[in-house]
PDB file of N, CA and C in Angstrom:
ATOM      1  N   MET A   1     -72.831  32.888 136.883  1.00  0.00           N
ATOM      2  CA  MET A   1     -72.599  31.506 137.478  1.00  0.00           C
ATOM      3  C   MET A   1     -71.121  31.636 138.044  1.00  0.00           C
ATOM      4  N   THR A   2     -70.720  31.258 139.234  1.00  0.00           N
ATOM      5  CA  THR A   2     -69.266  31.278 139.754  1.00  0.00           C
ATOM      6  C   THR A   2     -69.010  30.122 139.905  1.00  0.00           C
ATOM      7  N   PRO A   3     -67.990  29.292 139.285  1.00  0.00           N
ATOM      8  CA  PRO A   3     -67.469  28.054 139.667  1.00  0.00           C
ATOM      9  C   PRO A   3     -67.044  27.701 141.088  1.00  0.00           C
ATOM     10  N   VAL A   4     -67.188  26.926 141.936  1.00  0.00           N
ATOM     11  CA  VAL A   4     -66.403  26.560 143.340  1.00  0.00           C
ATOM     12  C   VAL A   4     -65.790  25.047 143.110  1.00  0.00           C
ATOM     13  N   SER A   5     -64.939  24.963 143.855  1.00  0.00           N
ATOM     14  CA  SER A   5     -64.136  23.730 143.949  1.00  0.00           C
ATOM     15  C   SER A   5     -64.603  22.771 144.655  1.00  0.00           C
ATOM     16  N   ASP A   6     -65.324  22.895 145.414  1.00  0.00           N
ATOM     17  CA  ASP A   6     -66.108  21.901 146.574  1.00  0.00           C
ATOM     18  C   ASP A   6     -67.501  21.916 146.592  1.00  0.00           C
ATOM     19  N   PRO A   7     -68.254  20.804 146.113  1.00  0.00           N
ATOM     20  CA  PRO A   7     -69.710  21.001 146.096  1.00  0.00           C
ATOM     21  C   PRO A   7     -70.364  21.264 147.385  1.00  0.00           C
ATOM     22  N   LEU A   8     -69.535  21.395 148.590  1.00  0.00           N
ATOM     23  CA  LEU A   8     -70.085  22.341 149.689  1.00  0.00           C
ATOM     24  C   LEU A   8     -69.694  23.656 150.097  1.00  0.00           C
ATOM     25  N   ALA A   9     -69.079  24.292 149.018  1.00  0.00           N
ATOM     26  CA  ALA A   9     -68.369  25.681 149.164  1.00  0.00           C
ATOM     27  C   ALA A   9     -69.376  26.742 148.507  1.00  0.00           C
ATOM     28  N   TRP A  10     -70.345  26.740 149.405  1.00  0.00           N
ATOM     29  CA  TRP A  10     -71.349  27.908 149.122  1.00  0.00           C
ATOM     30  C   TRP A  10     -72.315  28.109 150.360  1.00  0.00           C
ATOM     31  N   THR A  11     -73.375  29.111 150.393  1.00  0.00           N
ATOM     32  CA  THR A  11     -73.946  29.495 151.535  1.00  0.00           C
ATOM     33  C   THR A  11     -75.312  29.317 151.537  1.00  0.00           C
ATOM     34  N   LEU A  12     -75.868  28.683 152.143  1.00  0.00           N
ATOM     35  CA  LEU A  12     -77.202  28.268 152.537  1.00  0.00           C
ATOM     36  C   LEU A  12     -77.999  29.452 152.353  1.00  0.00           C
ATOM     37  N   GLY A  13     -79.192  29.456 151.602  1.00  0.00           N
ATOM     38  CA  GLY A  13     -80.099  30.855 151.681  1.00  0.00           C
ATOM     39  C   GLY A  13     -79.311  32.151 150.822  1.00  0.00           C
ATOM     40  N   THR A  14     -78.110  32.216 150.639  1.00  0.00           N
ATOM     41  CA  THR A  14     -77.627  33.245 149.863  1.00  0.00           C
ATOM     42  C   THR A  14     -77.073  32.659 148.343  1.00  0.00           C
ATOM     43  N   HIS A  15     -76.859  31.690 148.167  1.00  0.00           N
ATOM     44  CA  HIS A  15     -76.174  30.934 146.617  1.00  0.00           C
ATOM     45  C   HIS A  15     -77.512  30.260 146.257  1.00  0.00           C
ATOM     46  N   GLY A  16     -77.717  30.390 144.881  1.00  0.00           N
ATOM     47  CA  GLY A  16     -78.188  29.171 144.292  1.00  0.00           C
ATOM     48  C   GLY A  16     -77.114  28.262 143.841  1.00  0.00           C
ATOM     49  N   ILE A  17     -77.430  26.975 143.415  1.00  0.00           N
ATOM     50  CA  ILE A  17     -76.417  26.092 143.178  1.00  0.00           C
ATOM     51  C   ILE A  17     -76.715  25.446 141.914  1.00  0.00           C
ATOM     52  N   HIS A  18     -75.899  25.031 141.062  1.00  0.00           N
ATOM     53  CA  HIS A  18     -76.067  24.189 139.767  1.00  0.00           C
ATOM     54  C   HIS A  18     -74.719  23.094 139.799  1.00  0.00           C
ATOM     55  N   ILE A  19     -75.211  22.139 139.467  1.00  0.00           N
ATOM     56  CA  ILE A  19     -74.347  20.907 139.467  1.00  0.00           C
ATOM     57  C   ILE A  19     -74.320  20.279 138.199  1.00  0.00           C
ATOM     58  N   THR A  20     -73.075  19.559 137.782  1.00  0.00           N
ATOM     59  CA  THR A  20     -72.959  19.011 136.446  1.00  0.00           C
ATOM     60  C   THR A  20     -72.058  17.706 136.691  1.00  0.00           C
ATOM     61  N   PHE A  21     -72.302  16.634 136.421  1.00  0.00           N
ATOM     62  CA  PHE A  21     -71.551  15.563 136.647  1.00  0.00           C
ATOM     63  C   PHE A  21     -71.867  14.466 135.391  1.00  0.00           C
ATOM     64  N   HIS A  22     -70.831  13.666 135.423  1.00  0.00           N
ATOM     65  CA  HIS A  22     -70.857  12.493 134.501  1.00  0.00           C
ATOM     66  C   HIS A  22     -70.963  10.930 135.075  1.00  0.00           C
ATOM     67  N   ASP A  23     -71.829  10.120 134.522  1.00  0.00           N
ATOM     68  CA  ASP A  23     -71.827   8.697 134.999  1.00  0.00           C
ATOM     69  C   ASP A  23     -70.775   8.219 134.380  1.00  0.00           C
ATOM     70  N   PRO A  24     -69.544   7.594 135.176  1.00  0.00           N
ATOM     71  CA  PRO A  24     -68.398   7.125 134.368  1.00  0.00           C
ATOM     72  C   PRO A  24     -68.718   5.737 133.855  1.00  0.00           C
ATOM     73  N   THR A  25     -69.886   5.278 134.121  1.00  0.00           N
ATOM     74  CA  THR A  25     -70.302   3.885 133.738  1.00  0.00           C
ATOM     75  C   THR A  25     -71.053   3.955 132.169  1.00  0.00           C
ATOM     76  N   SER A  26     -71.874   4.927 132.306  1.00  0.00           N
ATOM     77  CA  SER A  26     -72.829   5.156 130.873  1.00  0.00           C
ATOM     78  C   SER A  26     -72.215   6.145 130.299  1.00  0.00           C
ATOM     79  N   HIS A  27     -71.478   7.355 130.840  1.00  0.00           N
ATOM     80  CA  HIS A  27     -70.803   8.410 130.276  1.00  0.00           C
ATOM     81  C   HIS A  27     -71.816   9.417 129.998  1.00  0.00           C
ATOM     82  N   ARG A  28     -73.061   9.467 130.489  1.00  0.00           N
ATOM     83  CA  ARG A  28     -74.177  10.188 130.541  1.00  0.00           C
ATOM     84  C   ARG A  28     -73.844  11.337 131.364  1.00  0.00           C
ATOM     85  N   LYS A  29     -74.299  12.631 130.932  1.00  0.00           N
ATOM     86  CA  LYS A  29     -74.075  13.646 131.709  1.00  0.00           C
ATOM     87  C   LYS A  29     -75.481  13.954 132.264  1.00  0.00           C
ATOM     88  N   TYR A  30     -75.415  14.703 133.588  1.00  0.00           N
ATOM     89  CA  TYR A  30     -76.250  14.943 134.672  1.00  0.00           C
ATOM     90  C   TYR A  30     -76.108  16.502 134.801  1.00  0.00           C
ATOM     91  N   ASN A  31     -77.338  16.939 135.100  1.00  0.00           N
ATOM     92  CA  ASN A  31     -77.257  18.525 135.836  1.00  0.00           C
ATOM     93  C   ASN A  31     -78.870  18.952 136.447  1.00  0.00           C
ATOM     94  N   ALA A  32     -78.534  19.957 137.303  1.00  0.00           N
ATOM     95  CA  ALA A  32     -79.651  20.316 137.916  1.00  0.00           C
ATOM     96  C   ALA A  32     -79.323  21.576 138.833  1.00  0.00           C
ATOM     97  N   THR A  33     -80.248  22.402 139.099  1.00  0.00           N
ATOM     98  CA  THR A  33     -80.109  23.719 139.732  1.00  0.00           C
ATOM     99  C   THR A  33     -81.147  23.877 140.922  1.00  0.00           C
ATOM    100  N   TYR A  34     -80.963  24.616 141.887  1.00  0.00           N
ATOM    101  CA  TYR A  34     -81.808  24.905 142.847  1.00  0.00           C
ATOM    102  C   TYR A  34     -81.687  26.718 143.166  1.00  0.00           C
ATOM    103  N   LEU A  35     -82.418  27.340 143.042  1.00  0.00           N
ATOM    104  CA  LEU A  35     -82.748  28.743 143.475  1.00  0.00           C
ATOM    105  C   LEU A  35     -82.273  28.858 144.933  1.00  0.00           C
ATOM    106  N   PRO A  36     -81.674  30.025 145.192  1.00  0.00           N
ATOM    107  CA  PRO A  36     -81.078  30.182 146.763  1.00  0.00           C
ATOM    108  C   PRO A  36     -82.065  29.684 147.765  1.00  0.00           C
ATOM    109  N   GLU A  37     -83.388  30.111 147.529  1.00  0.00           N
ATOM    110  CA  GLU A  37     -84.474  29.934 148.616  1.00  0.00           C
ATOM    111  C   GLU A  37     -84.908  28.559 148.708  1.00  0.00           C
ATOM    112  N   VAL A  38     -84.540  27.690 147.797  1.00  0.00           N
ATOM    113  CA  VAL A  38     -85.138  26.514 147.849  1.00  0.00           C
ATOM    114  C   VAL A  38     -84.567  25.622 149.099  1.00  0.00           C
ATOM    115  N   PRO A  39     -83.161  25.446 149.114  1.00  0.00           N
ATOM    116  CA  PRO A  39     -82.597  24.550 150.526  1.00  0.00           C
ATOM    117  C   PRO A  39     -83.170  24.938 151.754  1.00  0.00           C
ATOM    118  N   PRO A  40     -83.188  26.428 152.034  1.00  0.00           N
ATOM    119  CA  PRO A  40     -83.885  26.782 153.408  1.00  0.00           C
ATOM    120  C   PRO A  40     -85.188  26.352 153.521  1.00  0.00           C
ATOM    121  N   ALA A  41     -85.981  26.520 152.590  1.00  0.00           N
ATOM    122  CA  ALA A  41     -87.451  26.359 152.641  1.00  0.00           C
ATOM    123  C   ALA A  41     -87.705  25.109 152.746  1.00  0.00           C
ATOM    124  N   GLN A  42     -86.939  23.896 152.457  1.00  0.00           N
ATOM    125  CA  GLN A  42     -87.071  22.634 152.655  1.00  0.00           C
ATOM    126  C   GLN A  42     -86.428  22.334 153.706  1.00  0.00           C
ATOM    127  N   GLY A  43     -85.641  23.078 154.456  1.00  0.00           N
ATOM    128  CA  GLY A  43     -84.945  22.629 155.933  1.00  0.00           C
ATOM    129  C   GLY A  43     -83.829  21.498 155.405  1.00  0.00           C
ATOM    130  N   TRP A  44     -83.065  21.645 154.243  1.00  0.00           N
ATOM    131  CA  TRP A  44     -82.046  21.094 153.830  1.00  0.00           C
ATOM    132  C   TRP A  44     -80.713  21.453 154.384  1.00  0.00           C
ATOM    133  N   THR A  45     -79.634  20.531 154.793  1.00  0.00           N
ATOM    134  CA  THR A  45     -78.434  20.912 154.854  1.00  0.00           C
ATOM    135  C   THR A  45     -77.758  21.082 153.444  1.00  0.00           C
ATOM    136  N   LYS A  46     -76.652  21.430 153.560  1.00  0.00           N
ATOM    137  CA  LYS A  46     -75.760  21.379 151.946  1.00  0.00           C
ATOM    138  C   LYS A  46     -75.674  20.079 151.464  1.00  0.00           C
ATOM    139  N   GLU A  47     -75.353  18.812 152.083  1.00  0.00           N
ATOM    140  CA  GLU A  47     -75.278  17.613 151.778  1.00  0.00           C
ATOM    141  C   GLU A  47     -76.864  17.168 151.323  1.00  0.00           C
ATOM    142  N   GLU A  48     -77.781  17.519 152.009  1.00  0.00           N
ATOM    143  CA  GLU A  48     -78.980  17.061 151.533  1.00  0.00           C
ATOM    144  C   GLU A  48     -79.500  17.657 150.430  1.00  0.00           C
ATOM    145  N   THR A  49     -79.135  19.182 150.262  1.00  0.00           N
ATOM    146  CA  THR A  49     -79.203  19.803 149.069  1.00  0.00           C
ATOM    147  C   THR A  49     -78.449  18.971 147.830  1.00  0.00           C
ATOM    148  N   ILE A  50     -77.209  18.845 147.907  1.00  0.00           N
ATOM    149  CA  ILE A  50     -76.658  18.062 146.766  1.00  0.00           C
ATOM    150  C   ILE A  50     -77.162  16.718 146.503  1.00  0.00           C
ATOM    151  N   ASP A  51     -77.664  15.677 147.492  1.00  0.00           N
ATOM    152  CA  ASP A  51     -78.308  14.541 147.313  1.00  0.00           C
ATOM    153  C   ASP A  51     -79.737  14.832 146.670  1.00  0.00           C
ATOM    154  N   SER A  52     -80.151  15.970 146.870  1.00  0.00           N
ATOM    155  CA  SER A  52     -81.571  16.358 146.037  1.00  0.00           C
ATOM    156  C   SER A  52     -81.466  16.561 144.826  1.00  0.00           C
ATOM    157  N   LEU A  53     -80.368  17.422 144.628  1.00  0.00           N
ATOM    158  CA  LEU A  53     -79.883  17.900 143.221  1.00  0.00           C
ATOM    159  C   LEU A  53     -79.437  16.488 142.096  1.00  0.00           C
ATOM    160  N   VAL A  54     -79.046  15.599 142.852  1.00  0.00           N
ATOM    161  CA  VAL A  54     -78.409  14.620 142.111  1.00  0.00           C
ATOM    162  C   VAL A  54     -79.609  13.747 141.780  1.00  0.00           C
ATOM    163  N   LYS A  55     -80.791  13.458 142.582  1.00  0.00           N
ATOM    164  CA  LYS A  55     -81.998  12.844 142.170  1.00  0.00           C
ATOM    165  C   LYS A  55     -82.609  13.647 141.261  1.00  0.00           C
ATOM    166  N   LYS A  56     -82.696  15.289 141.430  1.00  0.00           N
ATOM    167  CA  LYS A  56     -83.378  15.840 140.455  1.00  0.00           C
ATOM    168  C   LYS A  56     -82.937  15.794 139.070  1.00  0.00           C
ATOM    169  N   SER A  57     -81.350  15.513 138.974  1.00  0.00           N
ATOM    170  CA  SER A  57     -80.823  15.237 137.733  1.00  0.00           C
ATOM    171  C   SER A  57     -81.180  14.220 136.664  1.00  0.00           C
ATOM    172  N   GLY A  58     -82.041  13.393 137.781  1.00  0.00           N
ATOM    173  CA  GLY A  58     -82.291  11.999 137.063  1.00  0.00           C
ATOM    174  C   GLY A  58     -81.491  11.003 137.324  1.00  0.00           C
ATOM    175  N   TYR A  59     -80.097  11.292 137.786  1.00  0.00           N
ATOM    176  CA  TYR A  59     -79.629  10.186 138.093  1.00  0.00           C
ATOM    177  C   TYR A  59     -80.058   9.213 139.207  1.00  0.00           C
ATOM    178  N   ARG A  60     -79.838   8.046 138.954  1.00  0.00           N
ATOM    179  CA  ARG A  60     -80.295   7.119 140.099  1.00  0.00           C
ATOM    180  C   ARG A  60     -79.286   6.176 140.977  1.00  0.00           C
ATOM    181  N   GLY A  61     -78.095   6.482 140.658  1.00  0.00           N
ATOM    182  CA  GLY A  61     -77.225   5.650 141.469  1.00  0.00           C
ATOM    183  C   GLY A  61     -76.881   6.663 142.859  1.00  0.00           C
ATOM    184  N   LYS A  62     -76.050   6.107 143.563  1.00  0.00           N
ATOM    185  CA  LYS A  62     -75.684   6.727 144.807  1.00  0.00           C
ATOM    186  C   LYS A  62     -74.379   7.478 144.457  1.00  0.00           C
ATOM    187  N   VAL A  63     -74.343   8.866 145.144  1.00  0.00           N
ATOM    188  CA  VAL A  63     -73.296   9.592 144.979  1.00  0.00           C
ATOM    189  C   VAL A  63     -72.688   9.857 146.411  1.00  0.00           C
ATOM    190  N   GLU A  64     -71.586   9.078 146.454  1.00  0.00           N
ATOM    191  CA  GLU A  64     -70.968   9.362 148.175  1.00  0.00           C
ATOM    192  C   GLU A  64     -69.990  10.558 148.135  1.00  0.00           C
ATOM    193  N   LYS A  65     -70.169  11.272 149.243  1.00  0.00           N
ATOM    194  CA  LYS A  65     -69.137  12.273 149.379  1.00  0.00           C
ATOM    195  C   LYS A  65     -67.885  11.901 149.336  1.00  0.00           C
ATOM    196  N   GLY A  66     -66.696  12.568 148.472  1.00  0.00           N
ATOM    197  CA  GLY A  66     -65.550  12.066 148.319  1.00  0.00           C
ATOM    198  C   GLY A  66     -65.438  10.837 147.337  1.00  0.00           C
ATOM    199  N   GLY A  67     -66.304  10.443 146.876  1.00  0.00           N
ATOM    200  CA  GLY A  67     -66.501   9.351 145.695  1.00  0.00           C
ATOM    201  C   GLY A  67     -65.962   9.971 144.426  1.00  0.00           C
ATOM    202  N   GLU A  68     -66.083   8.940 143.141  1.00  0.00           N
ATOM    203  CA  GLU A  68     -65.638   9.398 142.050  1.00  0.00           C
ATOM    204  C   GLU A  68     -66.494  10.517 141.285  1.00  0.00           C
ATOM    205  N   ILE A  69     -67.644  10.288 141.706  1.00  0.00           N
ATOM    206  CA  ILE A  69     -68.685  11.317 140.899  1.00  0.00           C
ATOM    207  C   ILE A  69     -68.710  12.604 141.750  1.00  0.00           C
ATOM    208  N   TRP A  70     -68.635  12.430 143.050  1.00  0.00           N
ATOM    209  CA  TRP A  70     -68.451  13.875 143.703  1.00  0.00           C
ATOM    210  C   TRP A  70     -67.215  14.511 143.570  1.00  0.00           C
ATOM    211  N   LYS A  71     -66.068  13.747 143.222  1.00  0.00           N
ATOM    212  CA  LYS A  71     -64.770  14.514 142.878  1.00  0.00           C
ATOM    213  C   LYS A  71     -64.885  15.089 141.607  1.00  0.00           C
ATOM    214  N   GLY A  72     -65.639  14.533 140.625  1.00  0.00           N
ATOM    215  CA  GLY A  72     -65.866  14.940 139.313  1.00  0.00           C
ATOM    216  C   GLY A  72     -67.042  16.030 138.964  1.00  0.00           C
ATOM    217  N   MET A  73     -67.600  16.423 139.912  1.00  0.00           N
ATOM    218  CA  MET A  73     -68.826  17.277 140.039  1.00  0.00           C
ATOM    219  C   MET A  73     -68.356  18.731 139.727  1.00  0.00           C
ATOM    220  N   LYS A  74     -69.116  19.449 138.767  1.00  0.00           N
ATOM    221  CA  LYS A  74     -68.684  20.862 138.667  1.00  0.00           C
ATOM    222  C   LYS A  74     -69.829  21.530 139.174  1.00  0.00           C
ATOM    223  N   VAL A  75     -69.577  22.417 140.006  1.00  0.00           N
ATOM    224  CA  VAL A  75     -70.396  23.018 140.939  1.00  0.00           C
ATOM    225  C   VAL A  75     -70.106  24.661 140.495  1.00  0.00           C
ATOM    226  N   GLY A  76     -71.423  25.337 140.235  1.00  0.00           N
ATOM    227  CA  GLY A  76     -71.337  26.704 140.097  1.00  0.00           C
ATOM    228  C   GLY A  76     -72.451  27.221 141.206  1.00  0.00           C
ATOM    229  N   VAL A  77     -72.038  28.550 141.646  1.00  0.00           N
ATOM    230  CA  VAL A  77     -73.221  29.256 142.460  1.00  0.00           C
ATOM    231  C   VAL A  77     -73.458  30.623 141.817  1.00  0.00           C
ATOM    232  N   TYR A  78     -74.558  30.944 142.309  1.00  0.00           N
ATOM    233  CA  TYR A  78     -75.121  32.326 141.698  1.00  0.00           C
ATOM    234  C   TYR A  78     -76.036  32.905 142.856  1.00  0.00           C
ATOM    235  N   GLU A  79     -76.476  34.210 142.769  1.00  0.00           N
ATOM    236  CA  GLU A  79     -77.425  34.798 143.589  1.00  0.00           C
ATOM    237  C   GLU A  79     -78.342  35.389 142.775  1.00  0.00           C
ATOM    238  N   SER A  80     -79.561  35.527 143.296  1.00  0.00           N
ATOM    239  CA  SER A  80     -80.999  35.974 142.611  1.00  0.00           C
ATOM    240  C   SER A  80     -81.467  36.973 143.217  1.00  0.00           C
ATOM    241  N   LEU A  81     -82.227  37.684 142.687  1.00  0.00           N
ATOM    242  CA  LEU A  81     -83.267  38.937 143.488  1.00  0.00           C
ATOM    243  C   LEU A  81     -84.613  38.445 142.906  1.00  0.00           C
ATOM    244  N   LYS A  82     -85.351  38.879 143.888  1.00  0.00           N
ATOM    245  CA  LYS A  82     -86.753  38.526 143.694  1.00  0.00           C
ATOM    246  C   LYS A  82     -87.460  39.832 143.821  1.00  0.00           C
ATOM    247  N   GLY A  83     -88.511  40.019 142.980  1.00  0.00           N
ATOM    248  CA  GLY A  83     -88.934  41.343 142.868  1.00  0.00           C
ATOM    249  C   GLY A  83     -90.594  41.004 142.975  1.00  0.00           C
ATOM    250  N   LYS A  84     -91.492  42.299 143.210  1.00  0.00           N
ATOM    251  CA  LYS A  84     -92.801  41.855 143.260  1.00  0.00           C
ATOM    252  C   LYS A  84     -93.533  43.064 142.717  1.00  0.00           C
ATOM    253  N   LYS A  85     -94.562  42.732 141.831  1.00  0.00           N
ATOM    254  CA  LYS A  85     -95.368  43.787 141.233  1.00  0.00           C
ATOM    255  C   LYS A  85     -96.940  43.339 141.436  1.00  0.00           C
ATOM    256  N   ASP A  86     -97.504  44.469 141.604  1.00  0.00           N
ATOM    257  CA  ASP A  86     -99.080  44.131 141.768  1.00  0.00           C
ATOM    258  C   ASP A  86     -99.638  44.033 140.274  1.00  0.00           C
ATOM    259  N   TRP A  87    -101.129  43.773 140.010  1.00  0.00           N
ATOM    260  CA  TRP A  87    -101.600  43.644 138.984  1.00  0.00           C
ATOM    261  C   TRP A  87    -101.602  45.087 138.039  1.00  0.00           C
ATOM    262  N   GLN A  88    -101.971  46.201 138.893  1.00  0.00           N
ATOM    263  CA  GLN A  88    -102.278  47.298 138.026  1.00  0.00           C
ATOM    264  C   GLN A  88    -100.574  47.719 137.500  1.00  0.00           C
ATOM    265  N   ASP A  89     -99.596  47.602 138.223  1.00  0.00           N
ATOM    266  CA  ASP A  89     -98.201  47.676 137.478  1.00  0.00           C
ATOM    267  C   ASP A  89     -97.900  46.849 136.636  1.00  0.00           C
ATOM    268  N   TRP A  90     -98.390  45.585 136.602  1.00  0.00           N
ATOM    269  CA  TRP A  90     -98.094  44.858 135.553  1.00  0.00           C
ATOM    270  C   TRP A  90     -98.925  45.185 134.129  1.00  0.00           C
ATOM    271  N   MET A  91    -100.117  45.596 134.419  1.00  0.00           N
ATOM    272  CA  MET A  91    -100.939  46.100 133.197  1.00  0.00           C
ATOM    273  C   MET A  91    -100.451  47.489 132.695  1.00  0.00           C
ATOM    274  N   LYS A  92     -99.853  48.150 133.622  1.00  0.00           N
ATOM    275  CA  LYS A  92     -99.194  49.448 133.169  1.00  0.00           C
ATOM    276  C   LYS A  92     -97.908  49.223 132.097  1.00  0.00           C
ATOM    277  N   TRP A  93     -97.189  48.134 132.769  1.00  0.00           N
ATOM    278  CA  TRP A  93     -95.941  47.852 131.959  1.00  0.00           C
ATOM    279  C   TRP A  93     -96.411  47.137 130.597  1.00  0.00           C
ATOM    280  N   LYS A  94     -97.440  46.166 130.478  1.00  0.00           N
ATOM    281  CA  LYS A  94     -97.884  45.626 129.253  1.00  0.00           C
ATOM    282  C   LYS A  94     -98.312  46.672 128.345  1.00  0.00           C
ATOM    283  N   LYS A  95     -98.912  47.984 128.985  1.00  0.00           N
ATOM    284  CA  LYS A  95     -99.646  48.775 127.901  1.00  0.00           C
ATOM    285  C   LYS A  95     -98.431  49.575 127.343  1.00  0.00           C
ATOM    286  N   ALA A  96     -97.406  50.013 128.228  1.00  0.00           N
ATOM    287  CA  ALA A  96     -96.308  50.714 127.777  1.00  0.00           C
ATOM    288  C   ALA A  96     -95.408  50.000 126.770  1.00  0.00           C
ATOM    289  N   ASN A  97     -95.463  48.827 126.848  1.00  0.00           N
ATOM    290  CA  ASN A  97     -94.781  47.856 125.762  1.00  0.00           C
ATOM    291  C   ASN A  97     -95.483  47.211 124.465  1.00  0.00           C
ATOM    292  N   GLY A  98     -96.684  47.975 124.321  1.00  0.00           N
ATOM    293  CA  GLY A  98     -97.677  47.502 123.292  1.00  0.00           C
ATOM    294  C   GLY A  98     -97.985  46.235 123.419  1.00  0.00           C
ATOM    295  N   MET A  99     -98.261  45.671 124.527  1.00  0.00           N
ATOM    296  CA  MET A  99     -98.874  44.145 124.696  1.00  0.00           C
ATOM    297  C   MET A  99    -100.208  44.091 125.083  1.00  0.00           C
ATOM    298  N   VAL A 100    -101.028  45.251 125.097  1.00  0.00           N
ATOM    299  CA  VAL A 100    -102.396  45.340 125.361  1.00  0.00           C
ATOM    300  C   VAL A 100    -103.076  45.911 124.247  1.00  0.00           C
TER     301      VAL A 100
END
């Protein structure tokens, strides 16, 4: 996870994003994450992704760009790799690892 200074300092489709923030009124901590492929698959902009992450975190208030919560938001980005195995490869792996 690489910290970034701005909630919009990441690349759609390349970076996964994780946000953490505190509600200053309740002092409750919120966090949420999306894998890199989620925002493009949904057709979201960076701003829409942040809005969706805020909702996904369980926070029900409004977070405005440049507002108190926005400024205090901690954002980390990461990259992921996706692999694919067929059933036969899966079974070979399970047998080789004593799982069958």
